[in-house]
Amino acid sequence: RRRRRAPEALLRRAFDGSQLVADLDEVGFQRLSRCFVRQEVKAGEVLIQQGADLTDKEPGMYVNESGTLDVFVSGIPIKGPTSKNDYGEKVHTYQQAGSLIGELSVLFAAPRAATVVASSDCVL
């Protein structure tokens, strides 16, 4: 089965908005973009689990191509409007194409800071 790479224009938009990769030259961009593979995520599927360590068996970061993903944080006080469920307090929603997801763990080599759940079918 052939791996489909993520669209270049989508990756450029995501990278331009991220402190982690905004300063990449063209060679660096091409190398990093080869790491992003398109994948489908079904509504209700957990993409990232809070507290999980990064492994070599999963992508460290994702770029949202389409769909909506909700971000939940458990165990810390949250200020502002939120909604709570089994994953914790909802603190953010990704719904814009080109959103970079999961880069904090890559940037800081730290466990995942939140749980990210697809609230609709998504392409990443």
C-alpha atoms as a PDB file:
ATOM      1  CA  ARG A   1       0.000   0.000   0.000  1.00  0.00           C
ATOM      2  CA  ARG A   2       1.429   3.351  -1.051  1.00  0.00           C
ATOM      3  CA  ARG A   3       1.749   6.072   1.574  1.00  0.00           C
ATOM      4  CA  ARG A   4       0.136   9.344   0.534  1.00  0.00           C
ATOM      5  CA  ARG A   5       1.994  12.453   1.582  1.00  0.00           C
ATOM      6  CA  ALA A   6       0.182  15.451   2.970  1.00  0.00           C
ATOM      7  CA  PRO A   7      -0.370  18.311   0.479  1.00  0.00           C
ATOM      8  CA  GLU A   8       2.611  20.692   0.303  1.00  0.00           C
ATOM      9  CA  ALA A   9       0.524  23.898   0.433  1.00  0.00           C
ATOM     10  CA  LEU A  10      -1.214  22.693   3.608  1.00  0.00           C
ATOM     11  CA  LEU A  11       2.114  21.881   5.262  1.00  0.00           C
ATOM     12  CA  ARG A  12       3.595  25.265   4.305  1.00  0.00           C
ATOM     13  CA  ARG A  13       0.623  27.030   5.919  1.00  0.00           C
ATOM     14  CA  ALA A  14       0.954  24.945   9.091  1.00  0.00           C
ATOM     15  CA  PHE A  15       4.722  25.402   9.312  1.00  0.00           C
ATOM     16  CA  ASP A  16       4.532  29.160   8.746  1.00  0.00           C
ATOM     17  CA  GLY A  17       2.379  29.508  11.861  1.00  0.00           C
ATOM     18  CA  SER A  18       4.588  27.407  14.147  1.00  0.00           C
ATOM     19  CA  GLN A  19       7.584  28.624  16.137  1.00  0.00           C
ATOM     20  CA  LEU A  20       8.919  25.085  15.996  1.00  0.00           C
ATOM     21  CA  VAL A  21       9.470  25.010  12.242  1.00  0.00           C
ATOM     22  CA  ALA A  22       8.943  28.565  10.951  1.00  0.00           C
ATOM     23  CA  ASP A  23      12.678  29.141  10.353  1.00  0.00           C
ATOM     24  CA  LEU A  24      13.283  26.040   8.238  1.00  0.00           C
ATOM     25  CA  ASP A  25      15.055  26.537   4.940  1.00  0.00           C
ATOM     26  CA  GLU A  26      13.701  24.811   1.815  1.00  0.00           C
ATOM     27  CA  VAL A  27      15.835  21.675   2.310  1.00  0.00           C
ATOM     28  CA  GLY A  28      14.640  21.385   5.917  1.00  0.00           C
ATOM     29  CA  PHE A  29      11.034  21.893   4.835  1.00  0.00           C
ATOM     30  CA  GLN A  30      11.295  19.127   2.222  1.00  0.00           C
ATOM     31  CA  ARG A  31      12.860  16.714   4.722  1.00  0.00           C
ATOM     32  CA  LEU A  32      10.247  17.414   7.392  1.00  0.00           C
ATOM     33  CA  SER A  33       7.319  17.341   4.967  1.00  0.00           C
ATOM     34  CA  ARG A  34       8.222  13.762   3.980  1.00  0.00           C
ATOM     35  CA  CYS A  35       7.416  12.752   7.574  1.00  0.00           C
ATOM     36  CA  PHE A  36       3.779  13.824   7.294  1.00  0.00           C
ATOM     37  CA  VAL A  37       1.548  11.104   5.877  1.00  0.00           C
ATOM     38  CA  ARG A  38      -2.152  11.580   5.252  1.00  0.00           C
ATOM     39  CA  GLN A  39      -4.378   9.540   7.495  1.00  0.00           C
ATOM     40  CA  GLU A  40      -8.077   9.335   8.183  1.00  0.00           C
ATOM     41  CA  VAL A  41      -9.399   9.573  11.740  1.00  0.00           C
ATOM     42  CA  LYS A  42     -12.990   8.631  12.548  1.00  0.00           C
ATOM     43  CA  ALA A  43     -15.246  10.696  14.809  1.00  0.00           C
ATOM     44  CA  GLY A  44     -14.723   9.691  18.442  1.00  0.00           C
ATOM     45  CA  GLU A  45     -11.196   8.359  17.866  1.00  0.00           C
ATOM     46  CA  VAL A  46      -8.489   9.515  20.290  1.00  0.00           C
ATOM     47  CA  LEU A  47      -5.567  10.961  18.344  1.00  0.00           C
ATOM     48  CA  ILE A  48      -3.387  11.973  21.314  1.00  0.00           C
ATOM     49  CA  GLN A  49      -3.702  10.819  24.940  1.00  0.00           C
ATOM     50  CA  GLN A  50      -2.696  13.218  27.736  1.00  0.00           C
ATOM     51  CA  GLY A  51       0.372  11.965  29.616  1.00  0.00           C
ATOM     52  CA  ALA A  52       1.536   9.611  26.850  1.00  0.00           C
ATOM     53  CA  ASP A  53       5.198   9.700  25.867  1.00  0.00           C
ATOM     54  CA  LEU A  54       6.241  10.178  22.254  1.00  0.00           C
ATOM     55  CA  THR A  55       7.318   6.978  20.546  1.00  0.00           C
ATOM     56  CA  ASP A  56       8.936   6.097  17.229  1.00  0.00           C
ATOM     57  CA  LYS A  57       5.776   4.213  16.278  1.00  0.00           C
ATOM     58  CA  GLU A  58       3.545   7.288  15.960  1.00  0.00           C
ATOM     59  CA  PRO A  59       3.814  10.706  14.345  1.00  0.00           C
ATOM     60  CA  GLY A  60       4.889  13.402  16.762  1.00  0.00           C
ATOM     61  CA  MET A  61       2.839  16.074  15.019  1.00  0.00           C
ATOM     62  CA  TYR A  62      -0.194  16.211  12.786  1.00  0.00           C
ATOM     63  CA  VAL A  63      -1.613  18.784  10.360  1.00  0.00           C
ATOM     64  CA  ASN A  64      -5.388  19.069  10.119  1.00  0.00           C
ATOM     65  CA  GLU A  65      -6.523  18.909   6.509  1.00  0.00           C
ATOM     66  CA  SER A  66     -10.240  18.607   7.232  1.00  0.00           C
ATOM     67  CA  GLY A  67     -12.549  17.899  10.143  1.00  0.00           C
ATOM     68  CA  THR A  68     -12.819  18.991  13.760  1.00  0.00           C
ATOM     69  CA  LEU A  69     -10.795  17.847  16.768  1.00  0.00           C
ATOM     70  CA  ASP A  70     -11.408  18.761  20.411  1.00  0.00           C
ATOM     71  CA  VAL A  71      -8.639  19.223  22.996  1.00  0.00           C
ATOM     72  CA  PHE A  72      -9.186  18.171  26.619  1.00  0.00           C
ATOM     73  CA  VAL A  73      -7.021  18.669  29.705  1.00  0.00           C
ATOM     74  CA  SER A  74      -7.504  16.692  32.901  1.00  0.00           C
ATOM     75  CA  GLY A  75      -6.204  17.379  36.399  1.00  0.00           C
ATOM     76  CA  ILE A  76      -5.413  21.094  36.269  1.00  0.00           C
ATOM     77  CA  PRO A  77      -7.623  24.099  36.946  1.00  0.00           C
ATOM     78  CA  ILE A  78      -8.809  25.776  33.757  1.00  0.00           C
ATOM     79  CA  LYS A  79      -9.972  29.391  33.592  1.00  0.00           C
ATOM     80  CA  GLY A  80     -12.660  30.444  31.173  1.00  0.00           C
ATOM     81  CA  PRO A  81     -15.522  28.621  29.455  1.00  0.00           C
ATOM     82  CA  THR A  82     -15.051  24.870  29.100  1.00  0.00           C
ATOM     83  CA  SER A  83     -17.125  21.732  28.830  1.00  0.00           C
ATOM     84  CA  LYS A  84     -16.215  18.584  30.746  1.00  0.00           C
ATOM     85  CA  ASN A  85     -16.363  14.904  29.767  1.00  0.00           C
ATOM     86  CA  ASP A  86     -14.397  11.712  30.491  1.00  0.00           C
ATOM     87  CA  TYR A  87     -11.238  13.232  28.988  1.00  0.00           C
ATOM     88  CA  GLY A  88     -11.303  16.330  31.209  1.00  0.00           C
ATOM     89  CA  GLU A  89     -12.085  19.935  30.419  1.00  0.00           C
ATOM     90  CA  LYS A  90     -12.468  20.945  26.789  1.00  0.00           C
ATOM     91  CA  VAL A  91     -10.009  23.788  26.226  1.00  0.00           C
ATOM     92  CA  HIS A  92      -9.705  24.133  22.450  1.00  0.00           C
ATOM     93  CA  THR A  93     -11.135  23.010  19.107  1.00  0.00           C
ATOM     94  CA  TYR A  94      -9.111  22.554  15.915  1.00  0.00           C
ATOM     95  CA  GLN A  95     -11.299  23.126  12.888  1.00  0.00           C
ATOM     96  CA  GLN A  96      -9.112  25.091  10.522  1.00  0.00           C
ATOM     97  CA  ALA A  97      -7.205  23.382   7.731  1.00  0.00           C
ATOM     98  CA  GLY A  98      -3.486  23.822   8.303  1.00  0.00           C
ATOM     99  CA  SER A  99      -3.632  23.633  12.100  1.00  0.00           C
ATOM    100  CA  LEU A 100      -0.510  21.999  13.535  1.00  0.00           C
ATOM    101  CA  ILE A 101      -1.394  19.536  16.309  1.00  0.00           C
ATOM    102  CA  GLY A 102       0.921  17.933  18.865  1.00  0.00           C
ATOM    103  CA  GLU A 103       4.008  20.066  18.375  1.00  0.00           C
ATOM    104  CA  LEU A 104       4.438  20.894  22.093  1.00  0.00           C
ATOM    105  CA  SER A 105       5.597  17.374  22.922  1.00  0.00           C
ATOM    106  CA  VAL A 106       8.061  17.461  20.036  1.00  0.00           C
ATOM    107  CA  LEU A 107       9.357  20.920  20.936  1.00  0.00           C
ATOM    108  CA  PHE A 108       9.853  20.174  24.637  1.00  0.00           C
ATOM    109  CA  ALA A 109      10.451  16.381  24.457  1.00  0.00           C
ATOM    110  CA  ALA A 110       7.721  16.042  27.068  1.00  0.00           C
ATOM    111  CA  PRO A 111       4.683  13.800  27.575  1.00  0.00           C
ATOM    112  CA  ARG A 112       1.492  14.834  25.811  1.00  0.00           C
ATOM    113  CA  ALA A 113      -0.086  17.811  27.563  1.00  0.00           C
ATOM    114  CA  ALA A 114      -3.660  17.110  26.452  1.00  0.00           C
ATOM    115  CA  THR A 115      -5.987  14.556  24.925  1.00  0.00           C
ATOM    116  CA  VAL A 116      -7.099  15.266  21.342  1.00  0.00           C
ATOM    117  CA  VAL A 117     -10.276  13.573  20.108  1.00  0.00           C
ATOM    118  CA  ALA A 118     -11.825  13.750  16.642  1.00  0.00           C
ATOM    119  CA  SER A 119     -15.313  15.211  16.962  1.00  0.00           C
ATOM    120  CA  SER A 120     -15.953  14.562  13.256  1.00  0.00           C
ATOM    121  CA  ASP A 121     -14.314  12.390  10.644  1.00  0.00           C
ATOM    122  CA  CYS A 122     -10.947  14.001   9.856  1.00  0.00           C
ATOM    123  CA  VAL A 123      -8.118  13.844   7.371  1.00  0.00           C
ATOM    124  CA  LEU A 124      -4.737  14.654   8.862  1.00  0.00           C
END
